[in-house]
Amino acid sequence: MALSGLETVIAVLVAFILWKIPSSILLLKKAPYPLPPGPKGEPMLGHLRVVPSDKPENAYAKWSKEYNSDVLYFNILGQPVVVLNSVQAAVDLLDKRGSNYCDRPRFVLFEVMGWGMTLTFLRWGPRFQMHRKLIQGSFTKPNCVQYQELQESETHVLVDGIMKNPNDWERQMRRSVSRHPFATAIVLGIGFGVSINDDNDPYIQMAVDASYALGHGGAPAGTVVDFFPFIKYLPNWLARSQSLKFARDWKWAIQQIHNAPFAAVEKEIHEGTAQPSFIHTLLESNSQKMSNGEPIIFDNDDIKGAAGAIYAAGQDTTWSTLVVFILNMVLRPEIQRKAQAEIDAVVGHDRLPDFNDRPSLPYTDRIVQETLRWGPVSPVGVPHKSLEDDVYNGMFIPKGSFVYANALAMTHDEAIYADPETFNPDRFKPQSEGGAGEPFPIGQFGFGRRICPGRHLAEASVWIVMVTMLATMNITKAVDENGNEINPDVKLTPGLTSHPTQFPCVFRPRSRLAEELVEDSL
């Protein structure tokens, strides 16, 4: 009897599981130490239906307390999964034993979508090492100083736009379904030398499309095609996978954000009009090597992929962090006033703040750190993969395990942070100054050889926007038709990147002078 398309897929999956599960069981029976603890799974499926797909980081944190272990173990269709719920465990394994946890799973769905050459998703090997070297060298803390002028100017454009349309701040920040052009302008300017000239600039729509594709394609290594790669070769009517269909339907958006700016830079170099950028530097380096008869280490696809990594890592995360900040300024006006008093004392009222002021604004810096702690943008991040068997604190971690660092559990660890659900920048005040001296958060930018190379740039972008907003505007609760204040709901979206759901608020210039300073800065 002929099978339908769906029946065929099910039959193949069952056959795969029947082969995969026994082999994984045999491997674990040979384990010299017990596995980390975790909830009971189901026959064949393991923890596939036990771990929630919506905000698993909360479940991991709960189980970590329940089993009194900062390391948890799960089995998803025969695939070992380990979740680290403390900074100590993450540092011990991902940092100190980084050579064993430097790999990534194969992200089949993201390959289909066109992210194959991107640093974030590359497997361990010579190509990954080359891409990491390229990007790390460009975004060290000293090198990021060269981007400060761009960050300041784009911040002024952002604040001016909100001042001119205070009742339309949501559109200014989101661009309907997209992200605010500030983040787009920064990453496109640095990566590709692209200048965003107005709201109708075609690069904004390119960024909108790429951001949508990246944010809605499914969790890395967590879709059916990631577990069963052969499905990517099946037509949509047979595969019956919404995530695979989405990846195919939106592949053009990822290709466009890689190809269009690259082609523009090549044209500008030929015409002698190219602006300094990451791509420009690499293309000029290749051109020089070719002229000298030297071998080229990285080809055009490598350059596109490396620049694409800058976009993927910086665009959505910067925007999400800023929305977390705005929400907490609405909810905690006393914190906003305290920061404004510090800024007024240091900067005064006759100029806008700049990066030179940062060392003199410790409270504002603590707001940045508390924003990163309170709402980590990537709660569980992208998994590492272990290259060999390992033993940690008497627990066996099998070779090939997907290893997640639960940033939410780490930044809300009650053993480190008092009342972690409360937004409180003073928690970082040094003990020598009468404070609690709690440590700045660790983990929101990843660990080990997979730590985000653009973390210094991202943090600087967030800081300059925050301090400029605080210096020039008051952010308050919106009111309803009866004049009553509207208290925002504190809800964070699920997914690879997390941000507050839509909430109302009001931006008002602190003074006419503040408006003029912003206008004159453009």
Protein backbone atom coordinates (compact mmCIF):
# COMPACT_ATOMS: atom_id res chain seq x y z
CA MET A 1 0.00 0.00 0.00
CA ALA A 2 1.39 3.39 -0.97
CA LEU A 3 2.11 5.82 1.84
CA SER A 4 1.07 9.45 1.82
CA GLY A 5 3.74 12.12 2.03
CA LEU A 6 3.21 12.62 5.75
CA GLU A 7 3.19 8.86 6.41
CA THR A 8 6.47 8.50 4.51
CA VAL A 9 8.12 11.19 6.61
CA ILE A 10 6.82 9.62 9.82
CA ALA A 11 8.08 6.19 8.74
CA VAL A 12 11.55 7.54 8.01
CA LEU A 13 11.64 9.45 11.30
CA VAL A 14 10.61 6.37 13.26
CA ALA A 15 13.33 4.35 11.54
CA PHE A 16 15.88 7.03 12.39
CA ILE A 17 14.78 7.15 16.04
CA LEU A 18 14.90 3.36 16.32
CA TRP A 19 18.52 3.54 15.18
CA LYS A 20 19.51 6.69 17.09
CA ILE A 21 18.05 5.96 20.52
CA PRO A 22 19.64 2.53 21.10
CA SER A 23 23.04 3.85 20.02
CA SER A 24 22.79 6.73 22.49
CA ILE A 25 21.67 4.39 25.27
CA LEU A 26 24.63 2.09 24.57
CA LEU A 27 26.98 5.06 24.75
CA LEU A 28 25.60 6.22 28.08
CA LYS A 29 25.79 2.73 29.58
CA LYS A 30 29.54 2.94 29.11
CA ALA A 31 29.69 6.25 31.00
CA PRO A 32 32.11 6.05 33.95
CA TYR A 33 30.16 8.64 35.95
CA PRO A 34 26.47 9.49 36.35
CA LEU A 35 24.85 12.03 34.08
CA PRO A 36 23.82 15.42 35.47
CA PRO A 37 20.34 15.39 37.01
CA GLY A 38 17.17 16.41 35.23
CA PRO A 39 13.46 15.65 34.94
CA LYS A 40 12.29 12.27 33.76
CA GLY A 41 11.92 11.90 30.01
CA GLU A 42 9.61 9.78 27.87
CA PRO A 43 10.41 6.54 26.05
CA MET A 44 11.89 7.15 22.60
CA LEU A 45 11.20 10.90 22.65
CA GLY A 46 13.29 11.64 25.72
CA HIS A 47 12.64 15.21 26.84
CA LEU A 48 11.23 16.40 23.52
CA ARG A 49 7.84 17.15 25.06
CA VAL A 50 9.14 17.82 28.57
CA VAL A 51 11.18 20.94 27.82
CA PRO A 52 8.82 23.80 26.90
CA SER A 53 9.43 25.44 23.55
CA ASP A 54 8.26 28.78 24.98
CA LYS A 55 10.88 30.34 27.28
CA PRO A 56 12.74 27.14 28.25
CA GLU A 57 15.20 29.27 30.24
CA ASN A 58 12.59 29.66 32.99
CA ALA A 59 12.04 25.90 33.19
CA TYR A 60 15.79 25.27 33.27
CA ALA A 61 16.20 27.72 36.15
CA LYS A 62 13.33 26.05 38.04
CA TRP A 63 14.75 22.56 37.54
CA SER A 64 18.19 23.78 38.59
CA LYS A 65 16.75 24.73 41.98
CA GLU A 66 14.61 21.61 42.20
CA TYR A 67 17.55 19.26 41.60
CA ASN A 68 20.03 21.47 43.46
CA SER A 69 22.38 21.36 40.51
CA ASP A 70 23.72 24.08 38.24
CA VAL A 71 24.22 21.48 35.50
CA LEU A 72 21.22 19.68 33.98
CA TYR A 73 20.94 16.88 31.43
CA PHE A 74 18.29 16.25 28.79
CA ASN A 75 17.90 13.82 25.92
CA ILE A 76 16.08 15.04 22.82
CA LEU A 77 15.44 12.16 20.42
CA GLY A 78 18.76 10.63 21.40
CA GLN A 79 20.69 13.91 21.31
CA PRO A 80 22.40 14.72 24.65
CA VAL A 81 21.70 18.27 25.83
CA VAL A 82 23.42 19.90 28.81
CA VAL A 83 22.27 23.19 30.34
CA LEU A 84 24.57 25.29 32.53
CA ASN A 85 22.74 27.48 35.04
CA SER A 86 25.56 29.22 36.89
CA VAL A 87 28.45 31.45 35.94
CA GLN A 88 30.80 29.09 37.76
CA ALA A 89 29.80 26.08 35.66
CA ALA A 90 29.92 28.10 32.43
CA VAL A 91 33.36 29.53 33.21
CA ASP A 92 34.72 26.14 34.30
CA LEU A 93 33.54 24.38 31.14
CA LEU A 94 33.15 26.93 28.34
CA ASP A 95 36.06 29.19 29.33
CA LYS A 96 38.61 27.02 31.13
CA ARG A 97 37.91 23.95 29.01
CA GLY A 98 37.09 25.98 25.94
CA SER A 99 39.03 23.70 23.60
CA ASN A 100 36.47 20.96 24.24
CA TYR A 101 33.39 23.19 23.98
CA CYS A 102 34.36 25.38 21.04
CA ASP A 103 32.21 23.61 18.44
CA ARG A 104 28.64 24.31 17.36
CA PRO A 105 25.94 21.87 16.32
CA ARG A 106 25.15 21.85 12.65
CA PHE A 107 22.41 24.46 12.13
CA VAL A 108 20.72 22.90 9.13
CA LEU A 109 17.78 25.28 9.07
CA PHE A 110 20.07 28.31 9.13
CA GLU A 111 22.10 26.76 6.31
CA VAL A 112 18.92 26.59 4.25
CA MET A 113 18.24 30.23 5.07
CA GLY A 114 21.70 31.34 3.96
CA TRP A 115 23.64 31.86 7.20
CA GLY A 116 26.21 29.15 6.43
CA MET A 117 29.29 31.41 6.40
CA THR A 118 28.36 33.44 9.48
CA LEU A 119 30.71 33.30 12.49
CA THR A 120 27.90 32.76 15.00
CA PHE A 121 26.84 29.52 13.33
CA LEU A 122 30.12 28.18 11.89
CA ARG A 123 31.40 24.81 13.10
CA TRP A 124 34.80 24.66 14.76
CA GLY A 125 37.67 24.48 12.30
CA PRO A 126 40.04 26.59 10.19
CA ARG A 127 37.25 28.68 8.65
CA PHE A 128 35.76 29.52 12.05
CA GLN A 129 39.20 30.45 13.39
CA MET A 130 39.82 32.69 10.38
CA HIS A 131 36.45 34.46 10.73
CA ARG A 132 36.92 34.94 14.46
CA LYS A 133 40.37 36.43 13.89
CA LEU A 134 38.99 38.81 11.26
CA ILE A 135 36.19 40.09 13.46
CA GLN A 136 37.96 40.09 16.82
CA GLY A 137 40.80 42.15 15.43
CA SER A 138 38.36 44.81 14.25
CA PHE A 139 36.33 45.03 17.46
CA THR A 140 38.79 45.06 20.30
CA LYS A 141 38.01 47.71 22.90
CA PRO A 142 40.71 50.11 21.61
CA ASN A 143 39.62 49.62 17.99
CA CYS A 144 36.00 50.43 18.83
CA VAL A 145 37.03 54.01 19.64
CA GLN A 146 37.09 54.74 15.91
CA TYR A 147 33.33 54.10 15.72
CA GLN A 148 32.37 56.52 18.49
CA GLU A 149 31.75 59.46 16.17
CA LEU A 150 29.32 57.35 14.12
CA GLN A 151 27.59 56.11 17.28
CA GLU A 152 27.18 59.66 18.60
CA SER A 153 25.84 61.06 15.34
CA GLU A 154 23.35 58.23 14.86
CA THR A 155 22.21 58.64 18.47
CA HIS A 156 21.44 62.30 17.80
CA VAL A 157 19.38 61.32 14.74
CA LEU A 158 17.44 58.82 16.85
CA VAL A 159 16.72 61.26 19.69
CA ASP A 160 15.73 64.01 17.25
CA GLY A 161 13.27 61.65 15.57
CA ILE A 162 11.64 60.77 18.87
CA MET A 163 11.50 64.42 19.95
CA LYS A 164 9.76 65.40 16.73
CA ASN A 165 7.28 62.51 17.01
CA PRO A 166 6.89 61.86 20.76
CA ASN A 167 3.47 60.26 20.37
CA ASP A 168 4.84 57.98 17.70
CA TRP A 169 7.86 56.64 19.56
CA GLU A 170 6.87 53.04 18.92
CA ARG A 171 7.15 53.52 15.18
CA GLN A 172 10.40 55.39 15.65
CA MET A 173 11.84 52.50 17.65
CA ARG A 174 10.30 49.65 15.70
CA ARG A 175 9.59 50.95 12.20
CA SER A 176 6.31 49.02 12.22
CA VAL A 177 7.47 45.41 12.38
CA SER A 178 11.17 46.21 12.05
CA ARG A 179 13.85 47.53 14.35
CA HIS A 180 14.95 51.09 14.93
CA PRO A 181 17.30 52.50 12.24
CA PHE A 182 19.86 53.45 14.93
CA ALA A 183 21.00 49.83 15.28
CA THR A 184 20.69 49.32 11.53
CA ALA A 185 22.73 52.43 10.77
CA ILE A 186 25.49 51.42 13.18
CA VAL A 187 25.97 47.87 11.90
CA LEU A 188 25.57 48.79 8.22
CA GLY A 189 27.88 51.76 8.60
CA ILE A 190 30.61 49.77 10.33
CA GLY A 191 30.20 46.58 8.35
CA PHE A 192 29.54 47.96 4.90
CA GLY A 193 30.22 51.71 4.98
CA VAL A 194 26.54 52.35 4.25
CA SER A 195 24.96 55.65 5.32
CA ILE A 196 21.23 55.70 6.11
CA ASN A 197 20.04 58.98 4.63
CA ASP A 198 16.30 58.96 5.34
CA ASP A 199 13.38 56.81 6.44
CA ASN A 200 12.87 55.55 2.89
CA ASP A 201 16.43 54.38 2.41
CA PRO A 202 16.31 50.93 0.74
CA TYR A 203 18.82 49.58 3.23
CA ILE A 204 16.28 50.05 6.01
CA GLN A 205 13.87 47.67 4.29
CA MET A 206 16.69 45.21 3.66
CA ALA A 207 17.45 45.27 7.38
CA VAL A 208 13.75 44.91 8.19
CA ASP A 209 13.47 41.81 6.04
CA ALA A 210 16.69 40.23 7.31
CA SER A 211 15.76 40.92 10.94
CA TYR A 212 12.34 39.34 10.45
CA ALA A 213 13.90 36.27 8.82
CA LEU A 214 16.48 35.88 11.59
CA GLY A 215 13.98 36.35 14.40
CA HIS A 216 11.27 34.04 13.09
CA GLY A 217 13.25 31.16 11.65
CA GLY A 218 13.18 29.01 14.77
CA ALA A 219 15.63 28.27 17.57
CA PRO A 220 19.14 27.29 16.41
CA ALA A 221 19.54 23.50 16.47
CA GLY A 222 15.99 23.20 17.74
CA THR A 223 13.84 22.53 14.66
CA VAL A 224 12.88 19.23 13.08
CA VAL A 225 15.24 19.75 10.15
CA ASP A 226 18.14 20.24 12.59
CA PHE A 227 17.46 16.85 14.16
CA PHE A 228 16.73 15.18 10.82
CA PRO A 229 18.86 16.94 8.17
CA PHE A 230 17.58 14.79 5.30
CA ILE A 231 14.27 16.65 5.55
CA LYS A 232 15.87 19.71 3.95
CA TYR A 233 15.95 17.82 0.65
CA LEU A 234 12.21 17.13 0.72
CA PRO A 235 9.68 19.41 -0.99
CA ASN A 236 7.43 21.45 1.29
CA TRP A 237 4.37 19.31 0.57
CA LEU A 238 6.27 16.24 1.79
CA ALA A 239 8.34 17.73 4.61
CA ARG A 240 5.33 19.43 6.25
CA SER A 241 7.69 21.67 8.23
CA GLN A 242 6.65 25.28 8.77
CA SER A 243 10.15 26.26 9.87
CA LEU A 244 11.70 24.76 6.72
CA LYS A 245 9.11 26.44 4.52
CA PHE A 246 9.80 29.75 6.26
CA ALA A 247 13.56 29.35 5.75
CA ARG A 248 13.05 28.70 2.05
CA ASP A 249 10.57 31.52 1.65
CA TRP A 250 12.85 34.06 3.34
CA LYS A 251 16.25 32.94 2.08
CA TRP A 252 16.22 35.87 -0.35
CA ALA A 253 16.26 38.34 2.57
CA ILE A 254 19.44 36.86 4.04
CA GLN A 255 21.10 36.70 0.63
CA GLN A 256 20.15 40.32 0.01
CA ILE A 257 21.70 41.65 3.22
CA HIS A 258 24.92 39.83 2.30
CA ASN A 259 25.05 40.61 -1.41
CA ALA A 260 23.59 44.08 -1.98
CA PRO A 261 25.85 46.10 0.37
CA PHE A 262 28.86 44.05 -0.76
CA ALA A 263 28.17 44.84 -4.41
CA ALA A 264 27.72 48.52 -3.55
CA VAL A 265 31.09 48.64 -1.77
CA GLU A 266 32.82 46.95 -4.70
CA LYS A 267 31.32 49.54 -7.04
CA GLU A 268 32.33 52.42 -4.77
CA ILE A 269 35.90 51.11 -4.49
CA HIS A 270 36.09 50.98 -8.28
CA GLU A 271 34.78 54.55 -8.47
CA GLY A 272 37.00 55.77 -5.64
CA THR A 273 34.08 56.82 -3.44
CA ALA A 274 34.04 54.00 -0.85
CA GLN A 275 33.75 54.95 2.82
CA PRO A 276 35.86 53.21 5.48
CA SER A 277 34.25 49.96 6.58
CA PHE A 278 34.93 46.37 7.57
CA ILE A 279 34.30 45.13 4.03
CA HIS A 280 36.34 47.93 2.46
CA THR A 281 39.35 47.05 4.61
CA LEU A 282 39.19 43.36 3.68
CA LEU A 283 38.69 43.98 -0.03
CA GLU A 284 41.58 46.44 -0.11
CA SER A 285 43.74 43.90 1.73
CA ASN A 286 42.90 41.24 -0.84
CA SER A 287 43.61 43.64 -3.68
CA GLN A 288 47.00 44.50 -2.20
CA LYS A 289 47.91 40.83 -1.76
CA MET A 290 46.92 40.05 -5.34
CA SER A 291 49.11 42.92 -6.56
CA ASN A 292 52.03 41.52 -4.58
CA GLY A 293 51.43 37.99 -5.80
CA GLU A 294 50.54 36.79 -2.31
CA PRO A 295 47.86 34.15 -1.64
CA ILE A 296 44.42 35.34 -0.55
CA ILE A 297 43.35 33.82 2.76
CA PHE A 298 39.65 34.71 2.58
CA ASP A 299 37.44 34.90 -0.50
CA ASN A 300 34.40 37.07 -1.19
CA ASP A 301 32.02 34.60 0.46
CA ASP A 302 34.12 34.75 3.63
CA ILE A 303 34.02 38.55 3.58
CA LYS A 304 30.25 38.58 3.05
CA GLY A 305 29.77 36.06 5.85
CA ALA A 306 31.98 37.98 8.27
CA ALA A 307 30.15 41.24 7.54
CA GLY A 308 26.84 39.39 7.86
CA ALA A 309 27.91 38.25 11.32
CA ILE A 310 28.34 41.89 12.35
CA TYR A 311 24.79 42.56 11.22
CA ALA A 312 23.28 39.45 12.84
CA ALA A 313 25.01 40.04 16.17
CA GLY A 314 24.50 43.78 16.51
CA GLN A 315 21.26 44.88 14.93
CA ASP A 316 18.54 43.12 16.87
CA THR A 317 20.36 42.83 20.20
CA THR A 318 21.08 46.56 20.46
CA TRP A 319 17.46 47.44 19.80
CA SER A 320 16.19 44.86 22.31
CA THR A 321 18.48 46.13 25.06
CA LEU A 322 17.32 49.71 24.53
CA VAL A 323 13.68 48.70 24.85
CA VAL A 324 14.49 46.96 28.16
CA PHE A 325 16.06 50.22 29.32
CA ILE A 326 13.06 52.34 28.28
CA LEU A 327 10.63 50.01 30.04
CA ASN A 328 12.54 50.25 33.30
CA MET A 329 12.84 54.02 33.10
CA VAL A 330 9.04 54.15 32.82
CA LEU A 331 8.64 51.81 35.78
CA ARG A 332 11.35 53.37 37.98
CA PRO A 333 11.22 57.19 37.61
CA GLU A 334 13.38 57.66 40.70
CA ILE A 335 16.24 55.85 38.93
CA GLN A 336 15.76 58.07 35.91
CA ARG A 337 15.91 61.22 38.05
CA LYS A 338 19.04 60.05 39.86
CA ALA A 339 20.81 59.37 36.56
CA GLN A 340 19.74 62.75 35.19
CA ALA A 341 21.11 64.50 38.26
CA GLU A 342 24.47 62.80 37.74
CA ILE A 343 24.52 63.73 34.05
CA ASP A 344 23.56 67.34 34.77
CA ALA A 345 26.36 67.64 37.32
CA VAL A 346 29.00 66.28 34.93
CA VAL A 347 27.81 67.41 31.49
CA GLY A 348 25.83 70.52 32.35
CA HIS A 349 23.03 71.87 30.16
CA ASP A 350 24.92 73.53 27.31
CA ARG A 351 26.12 70.43 25.44
CA LEU A 352 25.23 66.81 24.76
CA PRO A 353 27.07 63.99 26.52
CA ASP A 354 29.77 62.11 24.66
CA PHE A 355 32.05 59.14 25.29
CA ASN A 356 34.59 61.31 27.09
CA ASP A 357 32.05 61.68 29.90
CA ARG A 358 31.67 57.97 30.54
CA PRO A 359 34.35 57.60 33.25
CA SER A 360 32.65 60.40 35.22
CA LEU A 361 29.17 58.84 35.07
CA PRO A 362 29.36 55.66 37.19
CA TYR A 363 25.64 55.52 38.01
CA THR A 364 24.69 55.74 34.35
CA ASP A 365 27.16 52.96 33.62
CA ARG A 366 25.49 50.85 36.30
CA ILE A 367 22.15 51.38 34.56
CA VAL A 368 23.67 49.86 31.42
CA GLN A 369 24.90 46.85 33.38
CA GLU A 370 21.60 46.46 35.20
CA THR A 371 19.75 46.57 31.89
CA LEU A 372 21.95 43.76 30.57
CA ARG A 373 21.43 41.79 33.79
CA TRP A 374 17.69 42.31 34.25
CA GLY A 375 16.72 41.36 30.71
CA PRO A 376 19.46 39.41 28.92
CA VAL A 377 18.76 39.72 25.22
CA SER A 378 19.58 36.09 24.43
CA PRO A 379 18.39 34.12 27.48
CA VAL A 380 19.79 30.71 26.46
CA GLY A 381 21.85 31.74 23.48
CA VAL A 382 23.25 29.52 20.77
CA PRO A 383 24.47 26.10 21.93
CA HIS A 384 28.07 24.95 22.06
CA LYS A 385 28.93 21.34 21.22
CA SER A 386 31.40 19.16 23.12
CA LEU A 387 34.13 17.53 21.05
CA GLU A 388 34.99 14.79 23.56
CA ASP A 389 33.57 13.10 26.65
CA ASP A 390 34.10 15.12 29.81
CA VAL A 391 33.58 14.84 33.55
CA TYR A 392 32.63 17.85 35.67
CA ASN A 393 32.10 17.67 39.43
CA GLY A 394 31.52 13.94 39.18
CA MET A 395 29.01 14.28 36.31
CA PHE A 396 29.50 12.77 32.87
CA ILE A 397 29.04 15.00 29.81
CA PRO A 398 28.96 12.89 26.63
CA LYS A 399 30.85 13.74 23.48
CA GLY A 400 28.62 15.59 21.02
CA SER A 401 26.41 17.17 23.70
CA PHE A 402 24.64 20.41 22.89
CA VAL A 403 25.67 22.72 25.74
CA TYR A 404 23.55 25.77 26.55
CA ALA A 405 24.52 28.58 28.92
CA ASN A 406 21.34 29.81 30.61
CA ALA A 407 22.08 33.53 30.82
CA LEU A 408 18.76 34.24 32.53
CA ALA A 409 19.55 31.84 35.39
CA MET A 410 23.00 33.38 35.76
CA THR A 411 21.91 37.01 35.77
CA HIS A 412 19.04 36.22 38.17
CA ASP A 413 21.03 33.93 40.46
CA GLU A 414 19.78 34.60 43.99
CA ALA A 415 23.11 33.45 45.40
CA ILE A 416 24.75 36.42 43.66
CA TYR A 417 22.02 39.04 43.23
CA ALA A 418 19.67 40.13 45.99
CA ASP A 419 16.07 40.44 44.78
CA PRO A 420 17.11 39.72 41.16
CA GLU A 421 13.70 40.54 39.66
CA THR A 422 14.02 44.17 40.79
CA PHE A 423 15.76 46.67 38.51
CA ASN A 424 18.33 48.24 40.83
CA PRO A 425 21.55 49.79 39.45
CA ASP A 426 22.76 50.49 43.00
CA ARG A 427 23.33 46.76 43.50
CA PHE A 428 26.69 47.28 41.75
CA LYS A 429 27.82 50.12 44.02
CA PRO A 430 31.18 49.07 45.53
CA GLN A 431 31.28 48.00 49.16
CA SER A 432 33.95 50.64 49.73
CA GLU A 433 31.28 53.22 48.91
CA GLY A 434 28.67 51.62 51.16
CA GLY A 435 27.04 49.46 48.48
CA ALA A 436 26.44 45.73 48.12
CA GLY A 437 29.23 45.35 45.59
CA GLU A 438 27.38 42.80 43.50
CA PRO A 439 29.32 41.86 40.33
CA PHE A 440 28.50 43.10 36.86
CA PRO A 441 26.62 40.42 34.91
CA ILE A 442 28.53 37.73 33.05
CA GLY A 443 27.13 35.55 30.32
CA GLN A 444 24.91 37.87 28.30
CA PHE A 445 27.57 37.96 25.56
CA GLY A 446 28.43 34.28 25.70
CA PHE A 447 31.48 32.37 26.89
CA GLY A 448 34.77 30.90 25.77
CA ARG A 449 35.80 30.86 22.15
CA ARG A 450 32.23 31.69 21.19
CA ILE A 451 31.98 34.92 23.16
CA CYS A 452 30.53 37.75 21.08
CA PRO A 453 33.46 39.63 19.49
CA GLY A 454 31.31 42.75 19.11
CA ARG A 455 30.41 43.03 22.79
CA HIS A 456 32.47 46.20 23.35
CA LEU A 457 30.83 47.92 20.39
CA ALA A 458 27.33 46.82 21.45
CA GLU A 459 27.77 48.02 25.02
CA ALA A 460 29.12 51.36 23.81
CA SER A 461 26.14 51.82 21.46
CA VAL A 462 23.72 51.13 24.28
CA TRP A 463 25.52 53.51 26.64
CA ILE A 464 25.56 56.52 24.30
CA VAL A 465 21.85 56.16 23.51
CA MET A 466 20.91 55.78 27.17
CA VAL A 467 22.94 58.75 28.38
CA THR A 468 21.71 60.99 25.54
CA MET A 469 18.08 60.08 26.15
CA LEU A 470 18.45 60.72 29.87
CA ALA A 471 20.22 64.04 29.27
CA THR A 472 17.59 65.38 26.88
CA MET A 473 14.24 63.69 27.61
CA ASN A 474 11.94 62.51 30.36
CA ILE A 475 10.44 59.06 29.81
CA THR A 476 7.13 58.65 31.63
CA LYS A 477 4.03 56.50 31.78
CA ALA A 478 1.31 57.14 29.23
CA VAL A 479 -2.18 58.10 30.41
CA ASP A 480 -5.55 56.81 29.28
CA GLU A 481 -8.54 58.86 28.10
CA ASN A 482 -9.46 59.53 31.75
CA GLY A 483 -6.04 60.87 32.64
CA ASN A 484 -5.02 57.78 34.60
CA GLU A 485 -1.47 56.49 34.29
CA ILE A 486 -1.07 53.24 32.36
CA ASN A 487 1.21 50.74 34.10
CA PRO A 488 3.07 48.69 31.47
CA ASP A 489 2.86 44.92 31.65
CA VAL A 490 6.28 43.39 32.15
CA LYS A 491 6.33 40.64 29.54
CA LEU A 492 9.32 39.47 27.54
CA THR A 493 9.06 37.77 24.18
CA PRO A 494 10.36 34.21 23.66
CA GLY A 495 12.92 33.30 21.03
CA LEU A 496 16.61 33.56 20.23
CA THR A 497 16.48 37.24 21.17
CA SER A 498 14.09 38.52 23.82
CA HIS A 499 12.63 41.98 24.39
CA PRO A 500 9.63 43.53 26.18
CA THR A 501 6.30 43.24 24.45
CA GLN A 502 4.73 46.47 23.20
CA PHE A 503 3.97 49.01 25.92
CA PRO A 504 2.86 52.66 25.94
CA CYS A 505 5.04 55.48 27.22
CA VAL A 506 5.68 59.18 26.64
CA PHE A 507 8.91 60.98 25.70
CA ARG A 508 9.12 64.70 26.47
CA PRO A 509 12.12 67.01 25.99
CA ARG A 510 13.50 68.15 29.33
CA SER A 511 13.75 71.72 28.02
CA ARG A 512 13.70 73.80 24.88
CA LEU A 513 17.49 74.05 25.18
CA ALA A 514 17.74 70.25 25.09
CA GLU A 515 15.74 70.23 21.85
CA GLU A 516 18.00 72.87 20.33
CA LEU A 517 21.14 70.98 21.31
CA VAL A 518 19.87 67.87 19.53
CA GLU A 519 18.75 69.84 16.46
CA ASP A 520 22.08 71.65 16.23
CA SER A 521 24.00 68.37 16.44
CA LEU A 522 22.56 67.04 13.18
